[in-house]
């Protein structure tokens, strides 16, 4: 940082303003397409619309994890 300060400290105000403008322009965000869109219902027509309690969600998750590890241990 001190290296660059030495380079610009003797610039006049107009030059500093021009440099600051160039730096700001160089970091403007680019409008891009999102990496992923939020899925809409039509994307998953067969998805179950049920809502689970935290306890039910935990049981389902643990069931899936147990099935994965049981399959690995069977090999």
PDB file of N, CA and C in Angstrom:
ATOM      1  N   UNK A   1       0.830  -1.183   0.000  1.00  0.00           N
ATOM      2  CA  UNK A   1       0.000   0.000   0.000  1.00  0.00           C
ATOM      3  C   UNK A   1       0.876   1.249   0.000  1.00  0.00           C
ATOM      4  N   UNK A   2       1.920   1.214   0.785  1.00  0.00           N
ATOM      5  CA  UNK A   2       2.783   2.400   0.841  1.00  0.00           C
ATOM      6  C   UNK A   2       3.469   2.648  -0.502  1.00  0.00           C
ATOM      7  N   UNK A   3       3.742   1.588  -1.244  1.00  0.00           N
ATOM      8  CA  UNK A   3       4.341   1.726  -2.574  1.00  0.00           C
ATOM      9  C   UNK A   3       3.435   2.570  -3.471  1.00  0.00           C
ATOM     10  N   UNK A   4       2.150   2.232  -3.469  1.00  0.00           N
ATOM     11  CA  UNK A   4       1.209   2.957  -4.319  1.00  0.00           C
ATOM     12  C   UNK A   4       0.940   4.364  -3.802  1.00  0.00           C
ATOM     13  N   UNK A   5       0.965   4.533  -2.498  1.00  0.00           N
ATOM     14  CA  UNK A   5       0.784   5.879  -1.941  1.00  0.00           C
ATOM     15  C   UNK A   5       1.913   6.794  -2.411  1.00  0.00           C
ATOM     16  N   UNK A   6       3.132   6.261  -2.428  1.00  0.00           N
ATOM     17  CA  UNK A   6       4.270   7.051  -2.909  1.00  0.00           C
ATOM     18  C   UNK A   6       4.076   7.454  -4.373  1.00  0.00           C
ATOM     19  N   UNK A   7       3.433   6.584  -5.148  1.00  0.00           N
ATOM     20  CA  UNK A   7       3.215   6.879  -6.565  1.00  0.00           C
ATOM     21  C   UNK A   7       2.176   7.978  -6.781  1.00  0.00           C
ATOM     22  N   UNK A   8       1.167   8.047  -5.924  1.00  0.00           N
ATOM     23  CA  UNK A   8       0.054   8.968  -6.181  1.00  0.00           C
ATOM     24  C   UNK A   8       0.025  10.187  -5.273  1.00  0.00           C
ATOM     25  N   UNK A   9       0.818  10.219  -4.231  1.00  0.00           N
ATOM     26  CA  UNK A   9       0.689  11.320  -3.271  1.00  0.00           C
ATOM     27  C   UNK A   9       1.003  12.693  -3.862  1.00  0.00           C
ATOM     28  N   UNK A  10       1.812  12.735  -4.900  1.00  0.00           N
ATOM     29  CA  UNK A  10       2.157  14.022  -5.490  1.00  0.00           C
ATOM     30  C   UNK A  10       1.269  14.407  -6.670  1.00  0.00           C
ATOM     31  N   UNK A  11       0.255  13.603  -6.969  1.00  0.00           N
ATOM     32  CA  UNK A  11      -0.670  13.946  -8.050  1.00  0.00           C
ATOM     33  C   UNK A  11      -1.539  15.124  -7.627  1.00  0.00           C
ATOM     34  N   UNK A  12      -1.980  15.890  -8.619  1.00  0.00           N
ATOM     35  CA  UNK A  12      -2.918  16.965  -8.272  1.00  0.00           C
ATOM     36  C   UNK A  12      -4.320  16.359  -8.118  1.00  0.00           C
ATOM     37  N   UNK A  13      -5.244  17.166  -7.626  1.00  0.00           N
ATOM     38  CA  UNK A  13      -6.595  16.676  -7.320  1.00  0.00           C
ATOM     39  C   UNK A  13      -7.305  16.101  -8.546  1.00  0.00           C
ATOM     40  N   UNK A  14      -7.109  16.715  -9.699  1.00  0.00           N
ATOM     41  CA  UNK A  14      -7.744  16.244 -10.926  1.00  0.00           C
ATOM     42  C   UNK A  14      -7.247  14.850 -11.288  1.00  0.00           C
ATOM     43  N   UNK A  15      -5.956  14.632 -11.184  1.00  0.00           N
ATOM     44  CA  UNK A  15      -5.380  13.327 -11.492  1.00  0.00           C
ATOM     45  C   UNK A  15      -5.866  12.266 -10.495  1.00  0.00           C
ATOM     46  N   UNK A  16      -5.934  12.639  -9.215  1.00  0.00           N
ATOM     47  CA  UNK A  16      -6.429  11.695  -8.200  1.00  0.00           C
ATOM     48  C   UNK A  16      -7.884  11.326  -8.480  1.00  0.00           C
ATOM     49  N   UNK A  17      -8.696  12.332  -8.853  1.00  0.00           N
ATOM     50  CA  UNK A  17     -10.100  12.073  -9.169  1.00  0.00           C
ATOM     51  C   UNK A  17     -10.211  11.145 -10.375  1.00  0.00           C
ATOM     52  N   UNK A  18      -9.401  11.395 -11.394  1.00  0.00           N
ATOM     53  CA  UNK A  18      -9.424  10.548 -12.588  1.00  0.00           C
ATOM     54  C   UNK A  18      -9.009   9.119 -12.234  1.00  0.00           C
ATOM     55  N   UNK A  19      -7.983   8.952 -11.420  1.00  0.00           N
ATOM     56  CA  UNK A  19      -7.527   7.624 -10.994  1.00  0.00           C
ATOM     57  C   UNK A  19      -8.615   6.918 -10.180  1.00  0.00           C
ATOM     58  N   UNK A  20      -9.231   7.645  -9.249  1.00  0.00           N
ATOM     59  CA  UNK A  20     -10.287   7.053  -8.432  1.00  0.00           C
ATOM     60  C   UNK A  20     -11.455   6.623  -9.304  1.00  0.00           C
ATOM     61  N   UNK A  21     -11.817   7.432 -10.282  1.00  0.00           N
ATOM     62  CA  UNK A  21     -12.910   7.092 -11.189  1.00  0.00           C
ATOM     63  C   UNK A  21     -12.580   5.835 -11.973  1.00  0.00           C
ATOM     64  N   UNK A  22     -11.360   5.747 -12.473  1.00  0.00           N
ATOM     65  CA  UNK A  22     -10.944   4.553 -13.226  1.00  0.00           C
ATOM     66  C   UNK A  22     -10.999   3.310 -12.341  1.00  0.00           C
ATOM     67  N   UNK A  23     -10.547   3.428 -11.100  1.00  0.00           N
ATOM     68  CA  UNK A  23     -10.562   2.278 -10.187  1.00  0.00           C
ATOM     69  C   UNK A  23     -11.990   1.841  -9.876  1.00  0.00           C
ATOM     70  N   UNK A  24     -12.859   2.801  -9.621  1.00  0.00           N
ATOM     71  CA  UNK A  24     -14.261   2.483  -9.328  1.00  0.00           C
ATOM     72  C   UNK A  24     -14.922   1.822 -10.524  1.00  0.00           C
ATOM     73  N   UNK A  25     -14.686   2.347 -11.712  1.00  0.00           N
ATOM     74  CA  UNK A  25     -15.257   1.764 -12.929  1.00  0.00           C
ATOM     75  C   UNK A  25     -14.773   0.330 -13.128  1.00  0.00           C
ATOM     76  N   UNK A  26     -13.547   0.047 -12.730  1.00  0.00           N
ATOM     77  CA  UNK A  26     -12.992  -1.283 -12.968  1.00  0.00           C
ATOM     78  C   UNK A  26     -13.577  -2.353 -12.047  1.00  0.00           C
ATOM     79  N   UNK A  27     -14.203  -1.944 -10.947  1.00  0.00           N
ATOM     80  CA  UNK A  27     -14.764  -2.936 -10.025  1.00  0.00           C
ATOM     81  C   UNK A  27     -16.283  -2.940  -9.992  1.00  0.00           C
ATOM     82  N   UNK A  28     -16.913  -2.277 -10.948  1.00  0.00           N
ATOM     83  CA  UNK A  28     -18.370  -2.312 -11.013  1.00  0.00           C
ATOM     84  C   UNK A  28     -18.826  -3.746 -11.245  1.00  0.00           C
ATOM     85  N   UNK A  29     -19.882  -4.163 -10.559  1.00  0.00           N
ATOM     86  CA  UNK A  29     -20.369  -5.530 -10.777  1.00  0.00           C
ATOM     87  C   UNK A  29     -20.931  -5.698 -12.178  1.00  0.00           C
ATOM     88  N   UNK A  30     -20.770  -6.886 -12.692  1.00  0.00           N
ATOM     89  CA  UNK A  30     -21.277  -7.218 -14.015  1.00  0.00           C
ATOM     90  C   UNK A  30     -22.629  -7.886 -13.844  1.00  0.00           C
ATOM     91  N   UNK A  31     -23.578  -7.530 -14.684  1.00  0.00           N
ATOM     92  CA  UNK A  31     -24.875  -8.204 -14.653  1.00  0.00           C
ATOM     93  C   UNK A  31     -24.703  -9.570 -15.294  1.00  0.00           C
ATOM     94  N   UNK A  32     -24.887 -10.611 -14.511  1.00  0.00           N
ATOM     95  CA  UNK A  32     -24.741 -11.959 -15.033  1.00  0.00           C
ATOM     96  C   UNK A  32     -25.997 -12.765 -14.749  1.00  0.00           C
ATOM     97  N   UNK A  33     -26.109 -13.851 -15.446  1.00  0.00           N
ATOM     98  CA  UNK A  33     -27.210 -14.769 -15.207  1.00  0.00           C
ATOM     99  C   UNK A  33     -26.926 -15.489 -13.888  1.00  0.00           C
ATOM    100  N   UNK A  34     -27.926 -15.668 -13.041  1.00  0.00           N
ATOM    101  CA  UNK A  34     -27.694 -16.384 -11.780  1.00  0.00           C
ATOM    102  C   UNK A  34     -27.169 -17.790 -12.052  1.00  0.00           C
ATOM    103  N   UNK A  35     -26.351 -18.293 -11.139  1.00  0.00           N
ATOM    104  CA  UNK A  35     -25.811 -19.642 -11.295  1.00  0.00           C
ATOM    105  C   UNK A  35     -26.917 -20.675 -11.312  1.00  0.00           C
ATOM    106  N   UNK A  36     -27.944 -20.436 -10.534  1.00  0.00           N
ATOM    107  CA  UNK A  36     -29.081 -21.347 -10.527  1.00  0.00           C
ATOM    108  C   UNK A  36     -30.331 -20.539 -10.200  1.00  0.00           C
ATOM    109  N   UNK A  37     -31.400 -20.966 -10.763  1.00  0.00           N
ATOM    110  CA  UNK A  37     -32.678 -20.334 -10.469  1.00  0.00           C
ATOM    111  C   UNK A  37     -33.384 -21.156  -9.411  1.00  0.00           C
ATOM    112  N   UNK A  38     -34.185 -20.525  -8.603  1.00  0.00           N
ATOM    113  CA  UNK A  38     -34.974 -21.249  -7.623  1.00  0.00           C
ATOM    114  C   UNK A  38     -35.955 -22.134  -8.378  1.00  0.00           C
ATOM    115  N   UNK A  39     -35.941 -23.426  -8.084  1.00  0.00           N
ATOM    116  CA  UNK A  39     -36.842 -24.314  -8.815  1.00  0.00           C
ATOM    117  C   UNK A  39     -38.307 -23.937  -8.567  1.00  0.00           C
ATOM    118  N   UNK A  40     -39.089 -24.063  -9.598  1.00  0.00           N
ATOM    119  CA  UNK A  40     -40.508 -23.801  -9.461  1.00  0.00           C
ATOM    120  C   UNK A  40     -41.241 -25.133  -9.450  1.00  0.00           C
ATOM    121  N   UNK A  41     -42.482 -25.103  -9.042  1.00  0.00           N
ATOM    122  CA  UNK A  41     -43.247 -26.344  -8.879  1.00  0.00           C
ATOM    123  C   UNK A  41     -43.267 -27.184 -10.146  1.00  0.00           C
ATOM    124  N   UNK A  42     -43.289 -26.534 -11.312  1.00  0.00           N
ATOM    125  CA  UNK A  42     -43.336 -27.298 -12.557  1.00  0.00           C
ATOM    126  C   UNK A  42     -42.076 -28.130 -12.776  1.00  0.00           C
ATOM    127  N   UNK A  43     -40.970 -27.723 -12.170  1.00  0.00           N
ATOM    128  CA  UNK A  43     -39.719 -28.469 -12.326  1.00  0.00           C
ATOM    129  C   UNK A  43     -39.777 -29.821 -11.623  1.00  0.00           C
ATOM    130  N   UNK A  44     -40.578 -29.908 -10.569  1.00  0.00           N
ATOM    131  CA  UNK A  44     -40.673 -31.132  -9.777  1.00  0.00           C
ATOM    132  C   UNK A  44     -42.142 -31.493  -9.557  1.00  0.00           C
ATOM    133  N   UNK A  45     -42.838 -31.907 -10.602  1.00  0.00           N
ATOM    134  CA  UNK A  45     -44.279 -32.143 -10.457  1.00  0.00           C
ATOM    135  C   UNK A  45     -44.607 -33.289  -9.501  1.00  0.00           C
ATOM    136  N   UNK A  46     -43.688 -34.256  -9.350  1.00  0.00           N
ATOM    137  CA  UNK A  46     -43.977 -35.395  -8.485  1.00  0.00           C
ATOM    138  C   UNK A  46     -43.456 -35.208  -7.057  1.00  0.00           C
ATOM    139  N   UNK A  47     -42.938 -34.029  -6.764  1.00  0.00           N
ATOM    140  CA  UNK A  47     -42.399 -33.791  -5.431  1.00  0.00           C
ATOM    141  C   UNK A  47     -43.520 -33.779  -4.398  1.00  0.00           C
ATOM    142  N   UNK A  48     -43.276 -34.464  -3.300  1.00  0.00           N
ATOM    143  CA  UNK A  48     -44.241 -34.514  -2.214  1.00  0.00           C
ATOM    144  C   UNK A  48     -44.348 -33.138  -1.570  1.00  0.00           C
ATOM    145  N   UNK A  49     -45.528 -32.655  -1.402  1.00  0.00           N
ATOM    146  CA  UNK A  49     -45.752 -31.321  -0.853  1.00  0.00           C
ATOM    147  C   UNK A  49     -45.887 -31.332   0.675  1.00  0.00           C
ATOM    148  N   UNK A  50     -45.664 -32.490   1.278  1.00  0.00           N
ATOM    149  CA  UNK A  50     -45.801 -32.603   2.727  1.00  0.00           C
ATOM    150  C   UNK A  50     -44.740 -31.782   3.446  1.00  0.00           C
ATOM    151  N   UNK A  51     -45.118 -31.227   4.569  1.00  0.00           N
ATOM    152  CA  UNK A  51     -44.161 -30.563   5.443  1.00  0.00           C
ATOM    153  C   UNK A  51     -43.917 -31.465   6.646  1.00  0.00           C
ATOM    154  N   UNK A  52     -42.682 -31.523   7.077  1.00  0.00           N
ATOM    155  CA  UNK A  52     -42.326 -32.392   8.187  1.00  0.00           C
ATOM    156  C   UNK A  52     -41.959 -31.564   9.410  1.00  0.00           C
ATOM    157  N   UNK A  53     -42.210 -32.159  10.585  1.00  0.00           N
ATOM    158  CA  UNK A  53     -41.757 -31.535  11.815  1.00  0.00           C
ATOM    159  C   UNK A  53     -40.244 -31.727  11.877  1.00  0.00           C
ATOM    160  N   UNK A  54     -39.545 -30.953  12.699  1.00  0.00           N
ATOM    161  CA  UNK A  54     -38.097 -31.156  12.823  1.00  0.00           C
ATOM    162  C   UNK A  54     -37.744 -32.592  13.231  1.00  0.00           C
ATOM    163  N   UNK A  55     -38.531 -33.178  14.090  1.00  0.00           N
ATOM    164  CA  UNK A  55     -38.262 -34.552  14.528  1.00  0.00           C
ATOM    165  C   UNK A  55     -38.417 -35.536  13.366  1.00  0.00           C
ATOM    166  N   UNK A  56     -39.467 -35.346  12.562  1.00  0.00           N
ATOM    167  CA  UNK A  56     -39.677 -36.225  11.412  1.00  0.00           C
ATOM    168  C   UNK A  56     -38.557 -36.055  10.384  1.00  0.00           C
ATOM    169  N   UNK A  57     -38.159 -34.824  10.155  1.00  0.00           N
ATOM    170  CA  UNK A  57     -37.076 -34.563   9.207  1.00  0.00           C
ATOM    171  C   UNK A  57     -35.786 -35.214   9.691  1.00  0.00           C
ATOM    172  N   UNK A  58     -35.521 -35.131  10.984  1.00  0.00           N
ATOM    173  CA  UNK A  58     -34.322 -35.764  11.558  1.00  0.00           C
ATOM    174  C   UNK A  58     -34.367 -37.279  11.359  1.00  0.00           C
ATOM    175  N   UNK A  59     -35.507 -37.890  11.647  1.00  0.00           N
ATOM    176  CA  UNK A  59     -35.648 -39.343  11.495  1.00  0.00           C
ATOM    177  C   UNK A  59     -35.431 -39.767  10.042  1.00  0.00           C
ATOM    178  N   UNK A  60     -36.013 -39.016   9.107  1.00  0.00           N
ATOM    179  CA  UNK A  60     -35.844 -39.342   7.697  1.00  0.00           C
ATOM    180  C   UNK A  60     -34.378 -39.209   7.261  1.00  0.00           C
ATOM    181  N   UNK A  61     -33.746 -38.145   7.716  1.00  0.00           N
ATOM    182  CA  UNK A  61     -32.340 -37.933   7.370  1.00  0.00           C
ATOM    183  C   UNK A  61     -31.467 -39.034   7.947  1.00  0.00           C
ATOM    184  N   UNK A  62     -31.684 -39.364   9.209  1.00  0.00           N
ATOM    185  CA  UNK A  62     -30.883 -40.413   9.845  1.00  0.00           C
ATOM    186  C   UNK A  62     -31.125 -41.767   9.178  1.00  0.00           C
ATOM    187  N   UNK A  63     -32.362 -42.007   8.749  1.00  0.00           N
ATOM    188  CA  UNK A  63     -32.680 -43.249   8.053  1.00  0.00           C
ATOM    189  C   UNK A  63     -31.853 -43.341   6.762  1.00  0.00           C
ATOM    190  N   UNK A  64     -31.801 -42.233   6.017  1.00  0.00           N
ATOM    191  CA  UNK A  64     -31.025 -42.208   4.775  1.00  0.00           C
ATOM    192  C   UNK A  64     -29.536 -42.380   5.055  1.00  0.00           C
ATOM    193  N   UNK A  65     -29.032 -41.702   6.065  1.00  0.00           N
ATOM    194  CA  UNK A  65     -27.612 -41.817   6.404  1.00  0.00           C
ATOM    195  C   UNK A  65     -27.281 -43.241   6.837  1.00  0.00           C
ATOM    196  N   UNK A  66     -28.139 -43.822   7.647  1.00  0.00           N
ATOM    197  CA  UNK A  66     -27.917 -45.188   8.105  1.00  0.00           C
ATOM    198  C   UNK A  66     -27.908 -46.153   6.916  1.00  0.00           C
ATOM    199  N   UNK A  67     -28.819 -45.935   5.966  1.00  0.00           N
ATOM    200  CA  UNK A  67     -28.860 -46.802   4.783  1.00  0.00           C
ATOM    201  C   UNK A  67     -27.574 -46.675   3.974  1.00  0.00           C
ATOM    202  N   UNK A  68     -27.036 -45.478   3.860  1.00  0.00           N
ATOM    203  CA  UNK A  68     -25.786 -45.281   3.116  1.00  0.00           C
ATOM    204  C   UNK A  68     -24.642 -46.012   3.796  1.00  0.00           C
ATOM    205  N   UNK A  69     -24.516 -45.839   5.120  1.00  0.00           N
ATOM    206  CA  UNK A  69     -23.400 -46.464   5.826  1.00  0.00           C
ATOM    207  C   UNK A  69     -23.571 -47.974   5.932  1.00  0.00           C
ATOM    208  N   UNK A  70     -24.805 -48.444   6.026  1.00  0.00           N
ATOM    209  CA  UNK A  70     -25.040 -49.895   6.061  1.00  0.00           C
ATOM    210  C   UNK A  70     -24.651 -50.525   4.723  1.00  0.00           C
ATOM    211  N   UNK A  71     -24.946 -49.806   3.614  1.00  0.00           N
ATOM    212  CA  UNK A  71     -24.566 -50.294   2.290  1.00  0.00           C
ATOM    213  C   UNK A  71     -23.056 -50.344   2.144  1.00  0.00           C
ATOM    214  N   UNK A  72     -22.352 -49.348   2.657  1.00  0.00           N
ATOM    215  CA  UNK A  72     -20.888 -49.329   2.561  1.00  0.00           C
ATOM    216  C   UNK A  72     -20.270 -50.433   3.403  1.00  0.00           C
ATOM    217  N   UNK A  73     -20.850 -50.730   4.545  1.00  0.00           N
ATOM    218  CA  UNK A  73     -20.308 -51.761   5.418  1.00  0.00           C
ATOM    219  C   UNK A  73     -20.594 -53.155   4.866  1.00  0.00           C
ATOM    220  N   UNK A  74     -21.614 -53.270   4.011  1.00  0.00           N
ATOM    221  CA  UNK A  74     -21.967 -54.574   3.454  1.00  0.00           C
ATOM    222  C   UNK A  74     -20.980 -55.004   2.368  1.00  0.00           C
ATOM    223  N   UNK A  75     -20.254 -54.039   1.806  1.00  0.00           N
ATOM    224  CA  UNK A  75     -19.331 -54.347   0.701  1.00  0.00           C
ATOM    225  C   UNK A  75     -18.082 -55.022   1.208  1.00  0.00           C
TER     226      UNK A  75
END
